[in-house]
Amino acid sequence: MDGRVRMAPLTWVAGAFRARVLAARLESEGIDAQLRGALESPYGLTMGDMARVDVYVPEDQLADARYVLLADEIDATLAAPSDWWDAGAEPPVVRHRRHLRWMAGALLAIAVLGTFLGAVHHW
């Protein structure tokens, strides 16, 4: 053989950033990865086929690479709520109630102030 390694398609992702993150993840597990597609586009497209980046791995590492993808998908599915972007934020219902309290207080203050000013004006 002439020293070339046969590469097999693993998956594709939309956008160069996601592709580079995936390649880094694979390489952290000792799997060589090649990216082919819209990597150096000056427009930075991240939608549709124009943003498609194909990820290739050596044929002899394909099973391991699929295992890494599966493990990452399972980890993302089973992530604890503290790993999510809105963890620790108040539930929308609590925020909504707080806004209602402020609105009710403001309307009450306006009503009292209006009544007071109306009484002073008639004096």
Protein backbone atom coordinates (compact mmCIF):
# COMPACT_ATOMS: atom_id res chain seq x y z
CA MET A 1 0.00 0.00 0.00
CA ASP A 2 1.19 3.56 -0.64
CA GLY A 3 0.76 4.78 2.98
CA ARG A 4 -2.68 6.31 2.49
CA VAL A 5 -5.35 5.62 5.05
CA ARG A 6 -8.82 4.93 3.72
CA MET A 7 -11.26 7.36 5.26
CA ALA A 8 -14.92 6.55 5.86
CA PRO A 9 -17.74 9.06 6.36
CA LEU A 10 -18.88 9.24 9.96
CA THR A 11 -21.48 12.01 9.96
CA TRP A 12 -22.04 15.59 8.90
CA VAL A 13 -22.79 18.76 10.85
CA ALA A 14 -23.93 22.26 9.98
CA GLY A 15 -21.23 24.86 10.46
CA ALA A 16 -17.48 24.95 10.88
CA PHE A 17 -17.63 25.55 14.63
CA ARG A 18 -19.66 22.43 15.35
CA ALA A 19 -17.43 20.44 13.01
CA ARG A 20 -14.25 21.56 14.77
CA VAL A 21 -15.74 20.78 18.18
CA LEU A 22 -16.68 17.30 16.98
CA ALA A 23 -13.23 16.75 15.49
CA ALA A 24 -11.60 17.85 18.75
CA ARG A 25 -13.85 15.47 20.69
CA LEU A 26 -12.89 12.57 18.43
CA GLU A 27 -9.20 13.46 18.59
CA SER A 28 -9.38 13.59 22.40
CA GLU A 29 -10.34 9.90 22.20
CA GLY A 30 -7.42 9.12 19.89
CA ILE A 31 -9.49 9.02 16.71
CA ASP A 32 -8.15 10.86 13.68
CA ALA A 33 -10.73 13.06 11.99
CA GLN A 34 -10.85 14.92 8.69
CA LEU A 35 -13.30 17.70 7.96
CA ARG A 36 -14.48 18.36 4.42
CA GLY A 37 -16.87 21.02 3.31
CA ALA A 38 -17.69 24.62 4.19
CA LEU A 39 -14.86 25.23 6.65
CA GLU A 40 -13.18 28.38 5.44
CA SER A 41 -16.19 30.19 4.00
CA PRO A 42 -15.94 33.96 4.42
CA TYR A 43 -19.70 34.08 4.92
CA GLY A 44 -19.88 31.71 7.89
CA LEU A 45 -23.07 30.07 6.74
CA THR A 46 -24.67 27.81 9.31
CA MET A 47 -27.84 26.70 7.54
CA GLY A 48 -28.65 24.32 4.76
CA ASP A 49 -26.32 22.43 2.47
CA MET A 50 -23.98 25.41 2.10
CA ALA A 51 -22.94 24.97 5.76
CA ARG A 52 -22.54 21.20 5.58
CA VAL A 53 -19.25 19.82 6.85
CA ASP A 54 -18.61 16.10 6.43
CA VAL A 55 -16.61 14.32 9.12
CA TYR A 56 -14.42 11.42 8.01
CA VAL A 57 -12.45 8.97 10.14
CA PRO A 58 -10.10 6.11 9.21
CA GLU A 59 -12.05 2.95 8.35
CA ASP A 60 -10.38 1.00 11.14
CA GLN A 61 -11.52 3.62 13.69
CA LEU A 62 -15.11 3.96 12.42
CA ALA A 63 -16.69 1.72 15.08
CA ASP A 64 -14.90 3.58 17.88
CA ALA A 65 -15.94 6.94 16.43
CA ARG A 66 -19.58 5.83 16.29
CA TYR A 67 -19.30 4.73 19.92
CA VAL A 68 -17.99 8.19 20.89
CA LEU A 69 -20.92 9.87 19.11
CA LEU A 70 -23.38 7.55 20.83
CA ALA A 71 -21.82 8.14 24.26
CA ASP A 72 -21.96 11.92 23.75
CA GLU A 73 -25.60 11.72 22.71
CA ILE A 74 -26.48 9.63 25.76
CA ASP A 75 -24.58 12.00 28.06
CA ALA A 76 -26.45 14.98 26.59
CA THR A 77 -29.78 13.24 27.08
CA LEU A 78 -29.08 12.25 30.68
CA ALA A 79 -27.50 15.54 31.73
CA ALA A 80 -28.58 16.82 35.11
CA PRO A 81 -30.75 19.94 35.13
CA SER A 82 -27.83 21.94 36.54
CA ASP A 83 -26.05 21.43 33.21
CA TRP A 84 -28.85 23.09 31.26
CA TRP A 85 -28.71 26.74 30.19
CA ASP A 86 -31.58 27.90 32.40
CA ALA A 87 -30.74 25.89 35.50
CA GLY A 88 -31.04 28.01 38.60
CA ALA A 89 -33.31 30.56 36.95
CA GLU A 90 -36.68 31.16 38.47
CA PRO A 91 -39.53 29.29 36.86
CA PRO A 92 -41.55 31.48 34.48
CA VAL A 93 -44.58 31.31 36.79
CA VAL A 94 -42.65 32.92 39.68
CA ARG A 95 -41.31 35.67 37.43
CA HIS A 96 -44.80 36.27 36.06
CA ARG A 97 -46.29 36.58 39.54
CA ARG A 98 -43.60 39.05 40.57
CA HIS A 99 -44.39 41.23 37.56
CA LEU A 100 -48.08 41.08 38.40
CA ARG A 101 -47.34 42.24 41.96
CA TRP A 102 -45.32 45.19 40.68
CA MET A 103 -48.04 46.14 38.22
CA ALA A 104 -50.74 45.91 40.91
CA GLY A 105 -48.63 48.04 43.28
CA ALA A 106 -48.00 50.63 40.58
CA LEU A 107 -51.70 50.85 39.68
CA LEU A 108 -52.64 51.16 43.36
CA ALA A 109 -50.08 53.95 43.84
CA ILE A 110 -51.41 55.79 40.79
CA ALA A 111 -55.00 55.46 42.04
CA VAL A 112 -54.12 56.72 45.53
CA LEU A 113 -51.99 59.55 44.16
CA GLY A 114 -54.70 60.51 41.67
CA THR A 115 -57.35 60.58 44.39
CA PHE A 116 -55.10 62.66 46.65
CA LEU A 117 -54.27 65.14 43.89
CA GLY A 118 -57.93 65.37 42.94
CA ALA A 119 -58.87 66.18 46.55
CA VAL A 120 -56.10 68.78 46.85
CA HIS A 121 -57.12 70.37 43.54
CA HIS A 122 -60.74 70.84 44.72
CA TRP A 123 -59.63 72.50 47.92
